[in-house]
Amino acid sequence: MKVRVAIAGALCILGTLRCAEQAQAQHHRPVEQHGLSAGFSVHRLQDDFGGGLQLSSPAFASNSIRLTLGGGVAFFPHDLTSEGTERWTPYEHARLVVEAGQRLAGSPARLYGVGGPLLLFVPDRLS
């Protein structure tokens, strides 16, 4: 049994090394996309569930900065009714994200950072 496990492990390692060797030999240039990007999200923040849309600008400033505007609706599931039962109460959120970074020379990797403001629009009963 131990011999079979050792052989299977060795085959996996050799296969992984062979795939890595082939990938390095091909040395493809990373694909760069230029233009406006649109996306959607489904998220869970603590107990809140929601979804949203986002729109990202093309990269500018020597292909190192991009702006993303996004927003959506989330639901707070523990809002109490006057009878004391829980209900899902919707609220809206919006964000502006600035992404800055550069591709590492000779590598498909990209070093970047993101940040920006987030706005929450909650009903009076949640604030």
Protein backbone atom coordinates (compact mmCIF):
# COMPACT_ATOMS: atom_id res chain seq x y z
CA MET A 1 0.00 0.00 0.00
CA LYS A 2 2.76 2.46 0.95
CA VAL A 3 4.63 1.66 -2.26
CA ARG A 4 1.55 2.45 -4.37
CA VAL A 5 1.04 5.77 -2.58
CA ALA A 6 4.72 6.65 -3.08
CA ILE A 7 4.54 5.79 -6.79
CA ALA A 8 1.33 7.81 -7.25
CA GLY A 9 2.90 10.77 -5.43
CA ALA A 10 6.05 10.58 -7.56
CA LEU A 11 3.96 10.47 -10.75
CA CYS A 12 1.99 13.53 -9.65
CA ILE A 13 5.17 15.46 -8.89
CA LEU A 14 6.79 14.46 -12.21
CA GLY A 15 3.62 15.39 -14.11
CA THR A 16 3.46 18.79 -12.41
CA LEU A 17 7.12 19.48 -13.17
CA ARG A 18 6.62 18.48 -16.82
CA CYS A 19 3.61 20.81 -17.17
CA ALA A 20 5.59 23.67 -15.62
CA GLU A 21 8.48 23.00 -18.00
CA GLN A 22 6.16 23.09 -21.02
CA ALA A 23 4.52 26.31 -19.81
CA GLN A 24 7.92 27.99 -19.47
CA ALA A 25 8.96 26.79 -22.93
CA GLN A 26 5.86 28.33 -24.50
CA HIS A 27 6.46 31.69 -22.73
CA HIS A 28 3.27 33.37 -23.92
CA ARG A 29 2.92 37.11 -23.49
CA PRO A 30 0.09 38.03 -21.15
CA VAL A 31 -3.09 39.14 -22.87
CA GLU A 32 -3.90 42.77 -22.18
CA GLN A 33 -7.44 43.99 -22.50
CA HIS A 34 -8.08 47.61 -23.42
CA GLY A 35 -11.47 49.22 -23.14
CA LEU A 36 -14.43 49.56 -20.84
CA SER A 37 -15.26 46.57 -18.61
CA ALA A 38 -18.58 45.66 -17.01
CA GLY A 39 -19.22 43.09 -14.32
CA PHE A 40 -21.57 41.86 -11.64
CA SER A 41 -21.14 40.53 -8.14
CA VAL A 42 -22.98 38.36 -5.66
CA HIS A 43 -21.73 38.78 -2.13
CA ARG A 44 -22.24 37.93 1.49
CA LEU A 45 -20.96 40.39 4.08
CA GLN A 46 -21.31 38.90 7.57
CA ASP A 47 -25.01 37.92 7.47
CA ASP A 48 -26.02 40.40 4.74
CA PHE A 49 -26.61 39.04 1.24
CA GLY A 50 -26.62 41.14 -1.93
CA GLY A 51 -25.59 41.76 -5.47
CA GLY A 52 -24.31 44.58 -7.62
CA LEU A 53 -22.95 45.86 -10.88
CA GLN A 54 -19.66 47.57 -11.71
CA LEU A 55 -18.16 49.47 -14.60
CA SER A 56 -14.37 49.86 -15.00
CA SER A 57 -12.55 52.39 -17.14
CA PRO A 58 -9.80 51.44 -19.54
CA ALA A 59 -6.35 51.66 -17.97
CA PHE A 60 -4.63 55.03 -18.39
CA ALA A 61 -1.45 56.80 -17.20
CA SER A 62 0.93 54.38 -18.95
CA ASN A 63 -1.50 51.51 -18.41
CA SER A 64 -1.13 51.72 -14.62
CA ILE A 65 -4.38 53.25 -13.28
CA ARG A 66 -8.00 52.16 -13.64
CA LEU A 67 -11.21 53.51 -12.05
CA THR A 68 -14.18 51.33 -11.14
CA LEU A 69 -17.64 52.58 -10.20
CA GLY A 70 -19.95 50.04 -8.64
CA GLY A 71 -23.00 49.60 -6.52
CA GLY A 72 -25.94 47.42 -5.74
CA VAL A 73 -28.49 46.23 -3.24
CA ALA A 74 -27.91 44.18 -0.11
CA PHE A 75 -30.32 42.80 2.46
CA PHE A 76 -30.02 42.94 6.24
CA PRO A 77 -31.79 39.75 7.42
CA HIS A 78 -32.24 40.60 11.11
CA ASP A 79 -34.42 43.71 10.99
CA LEU A 80 -37.28 43.29 13.47
CA THR A 81 -40.91 44.03 12.66
CA SER A 82 -43.26 45.59 15.22
CA GLU A 83 -44.41 42.02 16.02
CA GLY A 84 -40.83 40.99 16.83
CA THR A 85 -40.24 38.77 13.80
CA GLU A 86 -37.21 39.15 11.57
CA ARG A 87 -37.43 40.45 8.01
CA TRP A 88 -34.96 41.11 5.20
CA THR A 89 -34.55 44.86 4.81
CA PRO A 90 -32.87 46.14 1.63
CA TYR A 91 -30.26 48.88 1.54
CA GLU A 92 -28.09 50.27 -1.25
CA HIS A 93 -24.33 50.67 -1.54
CA ALA A 94 -22.01 52.48 -3.97
CA ARG A 95 -18.23 52.61 -4.32
CA LEU A 96 -15.49 54.23 -6.33
CA VAL A 97 -12.31 52.18 -6.55
CA VAL A 98 -8.92 53.39 -7.78
CA GLU A 99 -6.62 50.56 -8.87
CA ALA A 100 -2.94 51.30 -9.47
CA GLY A 101 -0.26 48.83 -10.49
CA GLN A 102 2.30 47.63 -12.98
CA ARG A 103 3.11 44.31 -14.63
CA LEU A 104 6.40 42.86 -13.38
CA ALA A 105 8.97 42.86 -16.20
CA GLY A 106 9.42 39.45 -17.80
CA SER A 107 6.60 37.95 -15.77
CA PRO A 108 2.85 37.38 -16.17
CA ALA A 109 2.41 38.70 -12.60
CA ARG A 110 1.07 42.16 -11.82
CA LEU A 111 1.66 44.04 -8.57
CA TYR A 112 -1.26 46.35 -7.69
CA GLY A 113 -3.23 48.02 -4.92
CA VAL A 114 -6.82 49.25 -4.66
CA GLY A 115 -8.71 51.69 -2.49
CA GLY A 116 -11.54 54.18 -2.44
CA PRO A 117 -14.72 55.34 -0.72
CA LEU A 118 -17.78 53.20 -0.02
CA LEU A 119 -21.20 54.74 0.58
CA LEU A 120 -24.11 52.99 2.30
CA PHE A 121 -27.68 54.20 1.88
CA VAL A 122 -29.63 52.60 4.73
CA PRO A 123 -33.26 53.15 5.76
CA ASP A 124 -33.88 55.11 8.97
CA ARG A 125 -34.98 51.99 10.82
CA LEU A 126 -31.51 50.44 10.31
CA SER A 127 -29.40 53.45 11.28
